[in-house]
Amino acid sequence: METTNLLLQNIDKIHTTTMGIDRIKKNLNLDVLDVVDYIKNIILDKDCIIYKNGKNYYCEINNIRITINSYSYTIITAHKM
């Protein structure tokens, strides 16, 4: 539970790179203007399962897994499972 709280407390720090935006859009087949906002809304969903493994947070919901660096809060990627 502590891991979840730490990520949620730092939700405003979550960001990604231009390459990250392209990768996430491609992997999730998205057509949204604000990918970071889209991902934040997924993370904030009460059914989202958040856990930490090594240096990354993983957020899973509806067959989607989001990978976020736990130090920089950079969204690395998102995949359909």
C-alpha atoms as a PDB file:
ATOM      1  CA  MET A   1       0.000   0.000   0.000  1.00  0.00           C
ATOM      2  CA  GLU A   2       2.911   2.320   0.692  1.00  0.00           C
ATOM      3  CA  THR A   3       4.070   2.031  -2.939  1.00  0.00           C
ATOM      4  CA  THR A   4       0.631   3.002  -4.204  1.00  0.00           C
ATOM      5  CA  ASN A   5       0.466   6.016  -1.894  1.00  0.00           C
ATOM      6  CA  LEU A   6       3.921   7.236  -2.924  1.00  0.00           C
ATOM      7  CA  LEU A   7       3.070   7.116  -6.627  1.00  0.00           C
ATOM      8  CA  LEU A   8      -0.312   8.774  -6.087  1.00  0.00           C
ATOM      9  CA  GLN A   9       1.227  11.489  -3.884  1.00  0.00           C
ATOM     10  CA  ASN A  10       3.593  12.302  -6.749  1.00  0.00           C
ATOM     11  CA  ILE A  11       1.042  12.065  -9.580  1.00  0.00           C
ATOM     12  CA  ASP A  12       1.848  15.641 -10.666  1.00  0.00           C
ATOM     13  CA  LYS A  13       5.470  14.642 -11.326  1.00  0.00           C
ATOM     14  CA  ILE A  14       4.495  12.004 -13.885  1.00  0.00           C
ATOM     15  CA  HIS A  15       5.662  12.896 -17.388  1.00  0.00           C
ATOM     16  CA  THR A  16       7.155  11.283 -20.483  1.00  0.00           C
ATOM     17  CA  THR A  17       9.344  12.100 -23.454  1.00  0.00           C
ATOM     18  CA  THR A  18       8.305  12.790 -27.037  1.00  0.00           C
ATOM     19  CA  MET A  19       9.475   9.289 -27.941  1.00  0.00           C
ATOM     20  CA  GLY A  20       7.508   7.948 -24.975  1.00  0.00           C
ATOM     21  CA  ILE A  21       4.323   9.622 -26.226  1.00  0.00           C
ATOM     22  CA  ASP A  22       4.768   8.054 -29.659  1.00  0.00           C
ATOM     23  CA  ARG A  23       5.530   4.621 -28.150  1.00  0.00           C
ATOM     24  CA  ILE A  24       2.495   4.711 -25.825  1.00  0.00           C
ATOM     25  CA  LYS A  25       0.146   5.873 -28.604  1.00  0.00           C
ATOM     26  CA  LYS A  26       1.380   3.075 -30.861  1.00  0.00           C
ATOM     27  CA  ASN A  27       1.305   0.335 -28.198  1.00  0.00           C
ATOM     28  CA  LEU A  28      -2.167   1.221 -26.921  1.00  0.00           C
ATOM     29  CA  ASN A  29      -3.534   2.314 -30.301  1.00  0.00           C
ATOM     30  CA  LEU A  30      -4.476   5.711 -28.823  1.00  0.00           C
ATOM     31  CA  ASP A  31      -5.711   8.839 -30.513  1.00  0.00           C
ATOM     32  CA  VAL A  32      -5.668  11.304 -27.607  1.00  0.00           C
ATOM     33  CA  LEU A  33      -4.142  14.768 -27.379  1.00  0.00           C
ATOM     34  CA  ASP A  34      -2.679  14.457 -23.878  1.00  0.00           C
ATOM     35  CA  VAL A  35      -1.132  11.026 -23.341  1.00  0.00           C
ATOM     36  CA  VAL A  36       0.216  11.923 -19.883  1.00  0.00           C
ATOM     37  CA  ASP A  37      -3.220  13.019 -18.691  1.00  0.00           C
ATOM     38  CA  TYR A  38      -4.717   9.828 -20.136  1.00  0.00           C
ATOM     39  CA  ILE A  39      -2.162   7.708 -18.236  1.00  0.00           C
ATOM     40  CA  LYS A  40      -2.663   9.674 -15.001  1.00  0.00           C
ATOM     41  CA  ASN A  41      -6.413   8.991 -15.184  1.00  0.00           C
ATOM     42  CA  ILE A  42      -5.710   5.273 -15.555  1.00  0.00           C
ATOM     43  CA  ILE A  43      -3.391   5.347 -12.521  1.00  0.00           C
ATOM     44  CA  LEU A  44      -6.014   7.191 -10.457  1.00  0.00           C
ATOM     45  CA  ASP A  45      -8.699   4.590 -11.250  1.00  0.00           C
ATOM     46  CA  LYS A  46      -9.678   2.787  -8.036  1.00  0.00           C
ATOM     47  CA  ASP A  47      -9.314  -0.592  -9.791  1.00  0.00           C
ATOM     48  CA  CYS A  48      -5.746   0.062 -10.959  1.00  0.00           C
ATOM     49  CA  ILE A  49      -3.221  -2.295  -9.358  1.00  0.00           C
ATOM     50  CA  ILE A  50       0.054  -0.500  -8.579  1.00  0.00           C
ATOM     51  CA  TYR A  51       3.231  -2.254  -7.511  1.00  0.00           C
ATOM     52  CA  LYS A  52       6.953  -1.623  -7.560  1.00  0.00           C
ATOM     53  CA  ASN A  53       9.544  -4.029  -8.900  1.00  0.00           C
ATOM     54  CA  GLY A  54      13.148  -2.841  -8.869  1.00  0.00           C
ATOM     55  CA  LYS A  55      13.401   0.722 -10.103  1.00  0.00           C
ATOM     56  CA  ASN A  56       9.969   0.826 -11.751  1.00  0.00           C
ATOM     57  CA  TYR A  57       6.334   1.182 -10.797  1.00  0.00           C
ATOM     58  CA  TYR A  58       3.869  -0.959 -12.705  1.00  0.00           C
ATOM     59  CA  CYS A  59       0.217  -0.025 -13.023  1.00  0.00           C
ATOM     60  CA  GLU A  60      -2.198  -2.623 -14.353  1.00  0.00           C
ATOM     61  CA  ILE A  61      -5.847  -2.322 -15.301  1.00  0.00           C
ATOM     62  CA  ASN A  62      -8.067  -3.615 -18.121  1.00  0.00           C
ATOM     63  CA  ASN A  63      -5.236  -5.643 -19.706  1.00  0.00           C
ATOM     64  CA  ILE A  64      -2.929  -2.597 -19.830  1.00  0.00           C
ATOM     65  CA  ARG A  65       0.422  -2.414 -18.039  1.00  0.00           C
ATOM     66  CA  ILE A  66       2.090   0.986 -17.601  1.00  0.00           C
ATOM     67  CA  THR A  67       5.758   1.194 -16.616  1.00  0.00           C
ATOM     68  CA  ILE A  68       6.963   4.284 -14.719  1.00  0.00           C
ATOM     69  CA  ASN A  69      10.476   4.978 -13.453  1.00  0.00           C
ATOM     70  CA  SER A  70      10.213   5.312  -9.663  1.00  0.00           C
ATOM     71  CA  TYR A  71      12.971   7.935  -9.371  1.00  0.00           C
ATOM     72  CA  SER A  72      12.114  10.330 -12.199  1.00  0.00           C
ATOM     73  CA  TYR A  73       8.375   9.537 -12.544  1.00  0.00           C
ATOM     74  CA  THR A  74       8.885   9.177 -16.294  1.00  0.00           C
ATOM     75  CA  ILE A  75       6.361   6.974 -18.087  1.00  0.00           C
ATOM     76  CA  ILE A  76       8.619   4.535 -19.893  1.00  0.00           C
ATOM     77  CA  THR A  77       6.021   2.583 -21.802  1.00  0.00           C
ATOM     78  CA  ALA A  78       2.544   1.084 -21.766  1.00  0.00           C
ATOM     79  CA  HIS A  79       1.478  -2.221 -23.289  1.00  0.00           C
ATOM     80  CA  LYS A  80      -1.608  -4.312 -23.782  1.00  0.00           C
ATOM     81  CA  MET A  81      -1.145  -7.559 -21.859  1.00  0.00           C
END
